Amino acid sequence: MQIELNGRAALITGGSKGLGLAIARAFAGAGGNVAIVARDKAALGTAEAEIRAAAPGAKVAAISADIATAAGCETAFKGAEAALGRIDILVNNAGTSQRGPFLEIDDALWQHDLDLKLFAAIRLGRLVWPGMAARRWGRIINVLNTGAKAPPAEGAPTAVSRAAGMALTKVQANEGARHNILVNALLVGLIDSDQHRRRHAAAKTNESYEEWLGKLGASLPLGRYGKAEEFAATALFLCSEGGSYIAGTAINVDGGRSPVV
């Protein structure tokens, strides 16, 4: 099935690497226009060039902003709107996993995790919503992880932030449906991404990255880790006309890893 976005404009946070970059490539390749947001200007430049090379006809904007702040969210939104003309799709993807024993998590880490993963989604949602409602077409994807449904021990603060993101998804979906603003969540499992590459480096193992990730993936029901392109394909479907009757769902993209549906 050929999926087309037909010029739809997407704002993707955490778009310079990993899942965000894969989503941006998929959207641009399907005829969409994309604005990627991250803090690292060098990484943004590399990602922008990669997307342009893969989809020469797409409009591509790279915006440096810290969306853990209200000002950064404003910068991201205004830059994307100026570059693309409007925002039809918002993908709230920014944020790496933070976890540890409950008593060792201080207020500063709690606050930063909530600012980056929850409040950024709230703030950006408020900014894109009026335009989507006026045009009667919008898609919002909140990228969470499977800990949102099944929080493990020592899973805070991220499991808590992501669980709040799942509640936000349902609230937005129930309010947005009447305006044809469809809001869904995608829950990340074990997927090859920049985050896992950093974990491999920190582990200081003699195993190659592929060997290390392969062993982790072998424990999953599907027997392998996922690819960023597989995750991106799910996001693309939700933002296409094929996903026009899906709202308020939280989809596990995890190879069957989650203990709950």
Protein backbone atom coordinates (compact mmCIF):
# COMPACT_ATOMS: atom_id res chain seq x y z
CA MET A 1 0.00 0.00 0.00
CA GLN A 2 1.37 3.36 -1.03
CA ILE A 3 0.93 5.91 1.77
CA GLU A 4 0.92 9.60 0.84
CA LEU A 5 0.90 12.70 3.01
CA ASN A 6 0.25 15.01 0.06
CA GLY A 7 2.04 18.10 1.31
CA ARG A 8 1.02 17.82 4.97
CA ALA A 9 3.38 19.74 7.26
CA ALA A 10 4.84 18.03 10.32
CA LEU A 11 6.68 19.35 13.38
CA ILE A 12 8.81 16.58 14.90
CA THR A 13 10.64 17.06 18.19
CA GLY A 14 13.79 15.09 18.88
CA GLY A 15 14.10 14.96 15.11
CA SER A 16 17.86 15.01 14.60
CA LYS A 17 18.55 11.35 15.46
CA GLY A 18 16.99 7.96 16.08
CA LEU A 19 13.23 7.57 15.95
CA GLY A 20 12.56 11.24 15.27
CA LEU A 21 14.86 11.28 12.25
CA ALA A 22 13.35 8.03 10.96
CA ILE A 23 9.86 9.56 11.23
CA ALA A 24 11.00 12.71 9.43
CA ARG A 25 12.51 10.64 6.59
CA ALA A 26 9.34 8.58 6.28
CA PHE A 27 7.08 11.63 6.22
CA ALA A 28 9.23 13.48 3.68
CA GLY A 29 9.46 10.36 1.53
CA ALA A 30 5.67 10.12 1.51
CA GLY A 31 5.24 13.64 0.17
CA GLY A 32 5.15 15.52 3.46
CA ASN A 33 7.08 18.59 4.58
CA VAL A 34 8.94 18.44 7.87
CA ALA A 35 10.41 20.67 10.55
CA ILE A 36 12.77 18.83 12.89
CA VAL A 37 13.56 20.23 16.32
CA ALA A 38 16.51 19.46 18.60
CA ARG A 39 19.13 21.33 20.61
CA ASP A 40 22.30 20.18 18.81
CA LYS A 41 22.81 22.40 15.76
CA ALA A 42 25.46 20.15 14.23
CA ALA A 43 23.25 17.07 14.50
CA LEU A 44 20.34 19.05 13.06
CA GLY A 45 22.43 20.07 10.06
CA THR A 46 23.43 16.49 9.37
CA ALA A 47 19.84 15.28 9.71
CA GLU A 48 18.49 18.04 7.47
CA ALA A 49 20.97 17.13 4.72
CA GLU A 50 20.04 13.44 5.04
CA ILE A 51 16.32 14.14 4.70
CA ARG A 52 16.83 16.47 1.73
CA ALA A 53 18.96 13.87 -0.04
CA ALA A 54 16.32 11.18 0.50
CA ALA A 55 13.36 13.41 -0.46
CA PRO A 56 14.58 16.24 -2.73
CA GLY A 57 11.08 17.60 -3.28
CA ALA A 58 10.22 18.07 0.37
CA LYS A 59 10.41 21.27 2.37
CA VAL A 60 12.74 20.64 5.30
CA ALA A 61 13.46 22.96 8.21
CA ALA A 62 15.87 22.37 11.09
CA ILE A 63 15.15 24.35 14.26
CA SER A 64 17.40 24.52 17.30
CA ALA A 65 15.33 24.88 20.46
CA ASP A 66 15.15 23.55 24.02
CA ILE A 67 11.54 22.43 24.26
CA ALA A 68 11.91 21.73 27.99
CA THR A 69 11.15 25.45 28.32
CA ALA A 70 8.09 27.46 27.33
CA ALA A 71 10.27 29.81 25.30
CA GLY A 72 11.82 26.88 23.45
CA CYS A 73 8.39 25.55 22.51
CA GLU A 74 7.46 28.97 21.13
CA THR A 75 10.69 29.04 19.11
CA ALA A 76 10.02 25.58 17.70
CA PHE A 77 6.43 26.35 16.74
CA LYS A 78 7.07 29.76 15.23
CA GLY A 79 10.09 28.52 13.28
CA ALA A 80 8.20 25.52 11.90
CA GLU A 81 5.15 27.58 10.96
CA ALA A 82 7.29 30.22 9.26
CA ALA A 83 9.17 27.58 7.26
CA LEU A 84 6.24 25.35 6.31
CA GLY A 85 3.30 27.75 6.35
CA ARG A 86 1.22 25.69 8.78
CA ILE A 87 1.45 22.67 11.09
CA ASP A 88 -0.82 19.73 10.27
CA ILE A 89 1.02 17.08 12.27
CA LEU A 90 2.78 17.25 15.63
CA VAL A 91 5.02 14.40 16.77
CA ASN A 92 6.10 14.79 20.39
CA ASN A 93 9.14 12.53 20.32
CA ALA A 94 11.84 14.28 22.38
CA GLY A 95 13.19 12.73 25.56
CA THR A 96 15.54 9.96 26.66
CA SER A 97 14.76 7.42 29.35
CA GLN A 98 15.60 8.38 32.94
CA ARG A 99 15.15 5.76 35.63
CA GLY A 100 16.43 4.84 39.06
CA PRO A 101 15.46 4.01 42.67
CA PHE A 102 12.61 6.22 43.86
CA LEU A 103 14.47 7.65 46.86
CA GLU A 104 17.45 8.66 44.71
CA ILE A 105 15.48 10.85 42.31
CA ASP A 106 15.68 14.49 43.36
CA ASP A 107 13.27 17.30 42.57
CA ALA A 108 15.47 18.68 39.80
CA LEU A 109 15.38 15.41 37.84
CA TRP A 110 11.64 15.01 38.37
CA GLN A 111 11.06 18.54 37.12
CA HIS A 112 13.29 18.23 34.07
CA ASP A 113 11.72 14.93 33.03
CA LEU A 114 8.22 16.37 33.32
CA ASP A 115 9.22 19.58 31.52
CA LEU A 116 10.75 17.71 28.57
CA LYS A 117 8.29 14.85 28.20
CA LEU A 118 4.95 16.15 29.48
CA PHE A 119 4.92 19.94 29.52
CA ALA A 120 6.54 20.18 26.09
CA ALA A 121 3.70 18.06 24.67
CA ILE A 122 1.15 20.23 26.48
CA ARG A 123 2.69 23.50 25.31
CA LEU A 124 3.22 22.45 21.71
CA GLY A 125 -0.27 20.96 21.63
CA ARG A 126 -1.75 24.30 22.68
CA LEU A 127 0.23 26.10 20.00
CA VAL A 128 -0.72 23.87 17.05
CA TRP A 129 -4.32 23.20 18.10
CA PRO A 130 -6.06 26.42 16.93
CA GLY A 131 -4.73 26.11 13.37
CA MET A 132 -5.62 22.43 13.17
CA ALA A 133 -9.13 23.13 14.45
CA ALA A 134 -9.63 26.00 11.99
CA ARG A 135 -8.60 23.78 9.06
CA ARG A 136 -10.50 20.80 10.51
CA TRP A 137 -7.51 18.50 10.05
CA GLY A 138 -4.78 17.62 12.50
CA ARG A 139 -2.76 14.70 13.80
CA ILE A 140 -0.83 14.53 17.08
CA ILE A 141 1.35 11.57 18.03
CA ASN A 142 2.76 11.36 21.54
CA VAL A 143 5.76 9.03 21.58
CA LEU A 144 5.84 7.27 24.95
CA ASN A 145 7.27 3.94 26.12
CA THR A 146 5.76 0.70 27.35
CA GLY A 147 6.44 1.77 30.95
CA ALA A 148 3.46 4.11 30.57
CA LYS A 149 1.18 1.06 30.75
CA ALA A 150 3.31 -1.25 32.87
CA PRO A 151 5.65 0.82 35.08
CA PRO A 152 8.50 -1.30 36.47
CA ALA A 153 10.30 -0.95 39.77
CA GLU A 154 12.92 1.79 39.49
CA GLY A 155 11.11 3.05 36.40
CA ALA A 156 10.70 6.63 37.60
CA PRO A 157 10.74 9.37 36.60
CA THR A 158 10.20 8.38 32.97
CA ALA A 159 7.46 5.80 33.57
CA VAL A 160 5.49 8.43 35.50
CA SER A 161 6.01 11.14 32.87
CA ARG A 162 5.01 8.73 30.12
CA ALA A 163 1.92 7.53 32.00
CA ALA A 164 0.85 11.16 32.30
CA GLY A 165 1.48 11.49 28.56
CA MET A 166 -0.91 8.61 27.93
CA ALA A 167 -3.61 10.35 29.97
CA LEU A 168 -2.92 13.56 28.03
CA THR A 169 -3.35 11.61 24.79
CA LYS A 170 -6.84 10.47 25.78
CA VAL A 171 -7.91 13.93 26.96
CA GLN A 172 -6.69 15.53 23.73
CA ALA A 173 -8.26 12.79 21.61
CA ASN A 174 -11.67 13.20 23.24
CA GLU A 175 -11.59 16.97 22.76
CA GLY A 176 -9.97 16.96 19.32
CA ALA A 177 -12.16 14.43 17.54
CA ARG A 178 -14.95 16.93 16.88
CA HIS A 179 -12.39 19.10 15.04
CA ASN A 180 -10.88 16.14 13.15
CA ILE A 181 -7.76 16.42 15.29
CA LEU A 182 -6.80 12.80 15.87
CA VAL A 183 -4.47 12.17 18.79
CA ASN A 184 -2.75 8.85 19.47
CA ALA A 185 0.28 7.52 21.33
CA LEU A 186 3.00 5.14 20.15
CA LEU A 187 4.76 3.21 22.89
CA VAL A 188 8.39 2.36 22.24
CA GLY A 189 9.80 -1.04 23.11
CA LEU A 190 13.27 -2.34 22.29
CA ILE A 191 14.09 -0.52 19.06
CA ASP A 192 17.45 0.25 17.48
CA SER A 193 17.95 3.94 18.17
CA ASP A 194 20.51 6.51 19.22
CA GLN A 195 19.46 5.99 22.84
CA HIS A 196 20.40 2.32 22.75
CA ARG A 197 23.72 3.13 21.10
CA ARG A 198 24.54 5.41 24.04
CA ARG A 199 23.59 2.66 26.47
CA HIS A 200 25.85 0.21 24.67
CA ALA A 201 28.74 2.66 24.87
CA ALA A 202 28.12 3.23 28.58
CA ALA A 203 28.07 -0.54 29.23
CA LYS A 204 31.74 -0.76 28.08
CA THR A 205 31.24 -4.30 26.85
CA ASN A 206 33.50 -6.17 24.45
CA GLU A 207 30.46 -7.10 22.39
CA SER A 208 29.68 -5.16 19.24
CA TYR A 209 26.54 -3.04 19.28
CA GLU A 210 24.80 -5.55 17.00
CA GLU A 211 25.72 -8.49 19.27
CA TRP A 212 24.64 -6.61 22.39
CA LEU A 213 21.29 -5.52 20.95
CA GLY A 214 20.75 -8.93 19.37
CA LYS A 215 20.97 -10.61 22.77
CA LEU A 216 18.43 -8.18 24.20
CA GLY A 217 16.12 -8.73 21.27
CA ALA A 218 16.31 -12.52 21.55
CA SER A 219 14.25 -12.37 24.75
CA LEU A 220 11.27 -10.77 23.00
CA PRO A 221 8.32 -12.76 21.62
CA LEU A 222 9.35 -11.77 18.09
CA GLY A 223 12.93 -12.81 18.85
CA ARG A 224 14.56 -9.61 17.61
CA TYR A 225 14.82 -5.90 18.27
CA GLY A 226 12.83 -3.44 16.20
CA LYS A 227 14.04 -1.03 13.58
CA ALA A 228 13.48 2.72 13.66
CA GLU A 229 11.95 2.44 10.18
CA GLU A 230 9.29 0.05 11.50
CA PHE A 231 8.33 2.53 14.20
CA ALA A 232 8.26 5.35 11.65
CA ALA A 233 5.99 3.34 9.35
CA THR A 234 3.41 3.09 12.14
CA ALA A 235 3.57 6.85 12.71
CA LEU A 236 3.19 7.46 8.97
CA PHE A 237 0.07 5.29 8.78
CA LEU A 238 -1.56 7.10 11.70
CA CYS A 239 -0.97 10.45 9.98
CA SER A 240 -2.28 9.28 6.62
CA GLU A 241 -5.87 9.03 5.47
CA GLY A 242 -5.62 5.31 6.22
CA GLY A 243 -5.57 6.20 9.92
CA SER A 244 -8.55 8.55 9.72
CA TYR A 245 -10.72 6.52 12.14
CA ILE A 246 -8.08 5.93 14.82
CA ALA A 247 -8.15 8.25 17.84
CA GLY A 248 -7.30 7.96 21.51
CA THR A 249 -5.26 4.77 21.19
CA ALA A 250 -1.91 3.85 22.72
CA ILE A 251 -0.20 1.38 20.38
CA ASN A 252 2.66 -0.81 21.59
CA VAL A 253 5.43 -0.94 18.99
CA ASP A 254 7.50 -3.41 20.95
CA GLY A 255 7.61 -6.85 19.36
CA GLY A 256 5.21 -8.15 22.02
CA ARG A 257 7.41 -7.10 24.94
CA SER A 258 4.77 -5.32 27.03
CA PRO A 259 2.90 -7.51 29.57
CA VAL A 260 -0.30 -5.55 28.85
CA VAL A 261 -2.10 -4.78 25.60
